[in-house]
C-alpha atoms as a PDB file:
ATOM      1  CA  UNK A   1     185.658 116.693  24.185  1.00  0.00           C
ATOM      2  CA  UNK A   2     186.626 118.747  21.050  1.00  0.00           C
ATOM      3  CA  UNK A   3     188.061 117.695  17.636  1.00  0.00           C
ATOM      4  CA  UNK A   4     191.378 119.305  19.576  1.00  0.00           C
ATOM      5  CA  UNK A   5     191.612 116.279  21.784  1.00  0.00           C
ATOM      6  CA  UNK A   6     191.517 113.750  18.685  1.00  0.00           C
ATOM      7  CA  UNK A   7     193.885 115.418  16.692  1.00  0.00           C
ATOM      8  CA  UNK A   8     196.215 115.500  19.742  1.00  0.00           C
ATOM      9  CA  UNK A   9     195.837 111.905  20.189  1.00  0.00           C
ATOM     10  CA  UNK A  10     196.326 111.444  16.767  1.00  0.00           C
ATOM     11  CA  UNK A  11     199.889 113.408  17.002  1.00  0.00           C
ATOM     12  CA  UNK A  12     200.822 111.435  19.979  1.00  0.00           C
ATOM     13  CA  UNK A  13     200.388 108.019  18.275  1.00  0.00           C
ATOM     14  CA  UNK A  14     202.381 109.308  15.024  1.00  0.00           C
ATOM     15  CA  UNK A  15     205.291 110.347  17.186  1.00  0.00           C
ATOM     16  CA  UNK A  16     205.424 107.325  19.066  1.00  0.00           C
ATOM     17  CA  UNK A  17     205.563 105.249  15.506  1.00  0.00           C
ATOM     18  CA  UNK A  18     202.200 103.862  15.863  1.00  0.00           C
ATOM     19  CA  UNK A  19     200.990 102.354  12.593  1.00  0.00           C
ATOM     20  CA  UNK A  20     198.246 103.981  11.376  1.00  0.00           C
ATOM     21  CA  UNK A  21     196.354 100.637  10.510  1.00  0.00           C
ATOM     22  CA  UNK A  22     194.434  99.422  13.839  1.00  0.00           C
ATOM     23  CA  UNK A  23     194.135 102.428  15.691  1.00  0.00           C
ATOM     24  CA  UNK A  24     190.956 102.882  17.354  1.00  0.00           C
ATOM     25  CA  UNK A  25     189.380 105.463  19.583  1.00  0.00           C
ATOM     26  CA  UNK A  26     186.372 104.426  21.853  1.00  0.00           C
ATOM     27  CA  UNK A  27     184.259 107.395  22.600  1.00  0.00           C
ATOM     28  CA  UNK A  28     181.906 107.905  25.601  1.00  0.00           C
ATOM     29  CA  UNK A  29     177.992 109.229  24.174  1.00  0.00           C
ATOM     30  CA  UNK A  30     178.566 112.188  26.384  1.00  0.00           C
ATOM     31  CA  UNK A  31     182.023 113.102  24.107  1.00  0.00           C
ATOM     32  CA  UNK A  32     179.943 112.204  20.880  1.00  0.00           C
ATOM     33  CA  UNK A  33     177.423 114.702  21.670  1.00  0.00           C
ATOM     34  CA  UNK A  34     180.078 117.140  22.754  1.00  0.00           C
ATOM     35  CA  UNK A  35     181.407 116.885  19.291  1.00  0.00           C
ATOM     36  CA  UNK A  36     178.418 117.220  17.426  1.00  0.00           C
ATOM     37  CA  UNK A  37     177.359 120.277  19.570  1.00  0.00           C
ATOM     38  CA  UNK A  38     180.955 121.750  18.540  1.00  0.00           C
ATOM     39  CA  UNK A  39     180.799 121.391  14.737  1.00  0.00           C
ATOM     40  CA  UNK A  40     178.140 119.481  12.685  1.00  0.00           C
ATOM     41  CA  UNK A  41     179.818 119.581   9.393  1.00  0.00           C
ATOM     42  CA  UNK A  42     183.089 117.862  10.657  1.00  0.00           C
ATOM     43  CA  UNK A  43     180.798 115.629  12.869  1.00  0.00           C
ATOM     44  CA  UNK A  44     179.596 114.161   9.850  1.00  0.00           C
ATOM     45  CA  UNK A  45     182.602 113.252   8.707  1.00  0.00           C
ATOM     46  CA  UNK A  46     182.973 111.069  11.474  1.00  0.00           C
ATOM     47  CA  UNK A  47     179.799 109.792  11.645  1.00  0.00           C
ATOM     48  CA  UNK A  48     177.474 107.340   9.672  1.00  0.00           C
ATOM     49  CA  UNK A  49     174.153 108.778   9.901  1.00  0.00           C
ATOM     50  CA  UNK A  50     172.522 105.383   8.257  1.00  0.00           C
ATOM     51  CA  UNK A  51     173.925 103.525  11.015  1.00  0.00           C
ATOM     52  CA  UNK A  52     174.309 105.546  13.666  1.00  0.00           C
ATOM     53  CA  UNK A  53     177.509 104.476  13.905  1.00  0.00           C
ATOM     54  CA  UNK A  54     181.123 106.557  14.152  1.00  0.00           C
ATOM     55  CA  UNK A  55     183.575 105.674  11.371  1.00  0.00           C
ATOM     56  CA  UNK A  56     187.261 106.608  10.876  1.00  0.00           C
ATOM     57  CA  UNK A  57     188.340 109.967  11.635  1.00  0.00           C
ATOM     58  CA  UNK A  58     191.799 111.369  11.945  1.00  0.00           C
ATOM     59  CA  UNK A  59     193.174 107.930  11.617  1.00  0.00           C
ATOM     60  CA  UNK A  60     191.229 105.925  14.167  1.00  0.00           C
ATOM     61  CA  UNK A  61     188.413 103.644  13.552  1.00  0.00           C
ATOM     62  CA  UNK A  62     185.508 105.262  15.999  1.00  0.00           C
ATOM     63  CA  UNK A  63     183.838 102.962  18.454  1.00  0.00           C
ATOM     64  CA  UNK A  64     181.221 104.225  20.822  1.00  0.00           C
ATOM     65  CA  UNK A  65     180.395 102.626  24.227  1.00  0.00           C
ATOM     66  CA  UNK A  66     179.264 103.927  27.875  1.00  0.00           C
ATOM     67  CA  UNK A  67     181.070 101.670  29.672  1.00  0.00           C
ATOM     68  CA  UNK A  68     184.486 103.541  29.453  1.00  0.00           C
ATOM     69  CA  UNK A  69     187.066 103.866  32.370  1.00  0.00           C
ATOM     70  CA  UNK A  70     186.881 106.385  35.214  1.00  0.00           C
ATOM     71  CA  UNK A  71     189.314 108.579  36.186  1.00  0.00           C
ATOM     72  CA  UNK A  72     190.163 110.911  39.347  1.00  0.00           C
ATOM     73  CA  UNK A  73     190.309 114.186  37.806  1.00  0.00           C
ATOM     74  CA  UNK A  74     192.229 115.749  40.608  1.00  0.00           C
ATOM     75  CA  UNK A  75     195.193 112.765  39.995  1.00  0.00           C
ATOM     76  CA  UNK A  76     194.465 111.867  36.489  1.00  0.00           C
ATOM     77  CA  UNK A  77     194.600 108.287  37.838  1.00  0.00           C
ATOM     78  CA  UNK A  78     192.657 105.530  36.369  1.00  0.00           C
ATOM     79  CA  UNK A  79     190.288 104.180  38.803  1.00  0.00           C
ATOM     80  CA  UNK A  80     189.077 100.089  39.395  1.00  0.00           C
ATOM     81  CA  UNK A  81     185.812  99.623  37.850  1.00  0.00           C
ATOM     82  CA  UNK A  82     184.851  98.383  41.544  1.00  0.00           C
ATOM     83  CA  UNK A  83     186.412 101.621  43.045  1.00  0.00           C
ATOM     84  CA  UNK A  84     183.818 103.591  45.165  1.00  0.00           C
ATOM     85  CA  UNK A  85     182.391 106.803  43.398  1.00  0.00           C
ATOM     86  CA  UNK A  86     184.274 110.035  44.317  1.00  0.00           C
ATOM     87  CA  UNK A  87     183.643 113.391  43.794  1.00  0.00           C
ATOM     88  CA  UNK A  88     186.230 113.881  41.529  1.00  0.00           C
ATOM     89  CA  UNK A  89     185.499 111.013  39.078  1.00  0.00           C
ATOM     90  CA  UNK A  90     185.163 111.934  35.031  1.00  0.00           C
ATOM     91  CA  UNK A  91     184.645 109.795  32.510  1.00  0.00           C
ATOM     92  CA  UNK A  92     187.140 109.039  29.759  1.00  0.00           C
ATOM     93  CA  UNK A  93     187.166 107.926  25.588  1.00  0.00           C
ATOM     94  CA  UNK A  94     190.564 105.518  25.521  1.00  0.00           C
ATOM     95  CA  UNK A  95     192.585 105.195  22.229  1.00  0.00           C
ATOM     96  CA  UNK A  96     194.537 102.124  21.171  1.00  0.00           C
ATOM     97  CA  UNK A  97     196.181 100.282  18.990  1.00  0.00           C
ATOM     98  CA  UNK A  98     194.900  96.831  18.125  1.00  0.00           C
ATOM     99  CA  UNK A  99     197.863  94.859  17.793  1.00  0.00           C
ATOM    100  CA  UNK A 100     199.073  96.358  21.387  1.00  0.00           C
ATOM    101  CA  UNK A 101     195.997  95.165  23.272  1.00  0.00           C
ATOM    102  CA  UNK A 102     194.904  91.696  24.049  1.00  0.00           C
ATOM    103  CA  UNK A 103     191.749  90.132  25.173  1.00  0.00           C
ATOM    104  CA  UNK A 104     190.637  86.720  26.796  1.00  0.00           C
ATOM    105  CA  UNK A 105     187.357  85.290  26.291  1.00  0.00           C
ATOM    106  CA  UNK A 106     186.034  82.811  28.313  1.00  0.00           C
ATOM    107  CA  UNK A 107     183.416  79.987  27.957  1.00  0.00           C
ATOM    108  CA  UNK A 108     179.681  80.820  28.607  1.00  0.00           C
ATOM    109  CA  UNK A 109     178.537  78.852  31.592  1.00  0.00           C
ATOM    110  CA  UNK A 110     174.876  78.493  32.324  1.00  0.00           C
ATOM    111  CA  UNK A 111     172.994  77.940  35.561  1.00  0.00           C
ATOM    112  CA  UNK A 112     169.602  76.662  35.787  1.00  0.00           C
ATOM    113  CA  UNK A 113     167.129  75.682  38.342  1.00  0.00           C
ATOM    114  CA  UNK A 114     163.800  74.075  37.150  1.00  0.00           C
ATOM    115  CA  UNK A 115     160.576  74.438  38.522  1.00  0.00           C
ATOM    116  CA  UNK A 116     161.840  76.810  40.933  1.00  0.00           C
ATOM    117  CA  UNK A 117     158.488  77.791  43.340  1.00  0.00           C
ATOM    118  CA  UNK A 118     159.424  81.114  44.384  1.00  0.00           C
ATOM    119  CA  UNK A 119     159.624  82.098  40.418  1.00  0.00           C
ATOM    120  CA  UNK A 120     156.670  79.527  39.552  1.00  0.00           C
ATOM    121  CA  UNK A 121     159.015  78.633  36.624  1.00  0.00           C
ATOM    122  CA  UNK A 122     162.801  77.899  35.369  1.00  0.00           C
ATOM    123  CA  UNK A 123     165.464  80.156  36.387  1.00  0.00           C
ATOM    124  CA  UNK A 124     168.432  80.531  34.368  1.00  0.00           C
ATOM    125  CA  UNK A 125     171.651  82.715  34.343  1.00  0.00           C
ATOM    126  CA  UNK A 126     174.695  83.015  32.574  1.00  0.00           C
ATOM    127  CA  UNK A 127     178.398  83.594  33.437  1.00  0.00           C
ATOM    128  CA  UNK A 128     181.037  84.560  30.997  1.00  0.00           C
ATOM    129  CA  UNK A 129     184.220  85.934  32.114  1.00  0.00           C
ATOM    130  CA  UNK A 130     186.490  88.631  29.790  1.00  0.00           C
ATOM    131  CA  UNK A 131     189.394  90.689  30.278  1.00  0.00           C
ATOM    132  CA  UNK A 132     191.268  93.043  27.608  1.00  0.00           C
ATOM    133  CA  UNK A 133     194.362  94.761  28.622  1.00  0.00           C
ATOM    134  CA  UNK A 134     197.502  96.314  26.755  1.00  0.00           C
ATOM    135  CA  UNK A 135     200.082  94.195  26.036  1.00  0.00           C
ATOM    136  CA  UNK A 136     203.296  96.289  26.154  1.00  0.00           C
ATOM    137  CA  UNK A 137     202.023  99.618  27.506  1.00  0.00           C
ATOM    138  CA  UNK A 138     202.606 101.288  24.005  1.00  0.00           C
ATOM    139  CA  UNK A 139     199.776 102.488  22.016  1.00  0.00           C
ATOM    140  CA  UNK A 140     197.020 103.110  24.568  1.00  0.00           C
ATOM    141  CA  UNK A 141     195.981 106.694  25.679  1.00  0.00           C
ATOM    142  CA  UNK A 142     192.451 108.255  26.920  1.00  0.00           C
ATOM    143  CA  UNK A 143     190.620 111.631  26.679  1.00  0.00           C
ATOM    144  CA  UNK A 144     189.597 112.385  30.011  1.00  0.00           C
ATOM    145  CA  UNK A 145     186.424 114.534  30.669  1.00  0.00           C
ATOM    146  CA  UNK A 146     186.777 118.200  31.682  1.00  0.00           C
ATOM    147  CA  UNK A 147     185.473 118.228  35.345  1.00  0.00           C
ATOM    148  CA  UNK A 148     181.904 119.741  35.229  1.00  0.00           C
END
């Protein structure tokens, strides 16, 4: 990833008429490393070194997670999270407009088995369902990593 990739995404969002407020880019940690290696001074503009978290840059609120969509580099198609690994798999850093996406956050359910003999104690587990999707398909995009 380069800074130009972020600027290109900004230009695409600008051209599509996406409002500047509530724009977010979710960087994969490897992309954060790419940017750091490119230009430390420019990287300091987008990173809060005290908290270690990215901040706003080029109109995007910068976030970071290692759990991003996987794409098939040959077809540039996004793969489902359950799809098997492929030779052409690459990670991504998505961008979105906050009012163009939705999330449904379910309740937490707790499973418990007291006095489990094989564990010699109580076994507890939790289940929580969550989904996040685009609403209209407008104001979303991704920077796809280059094939290594």
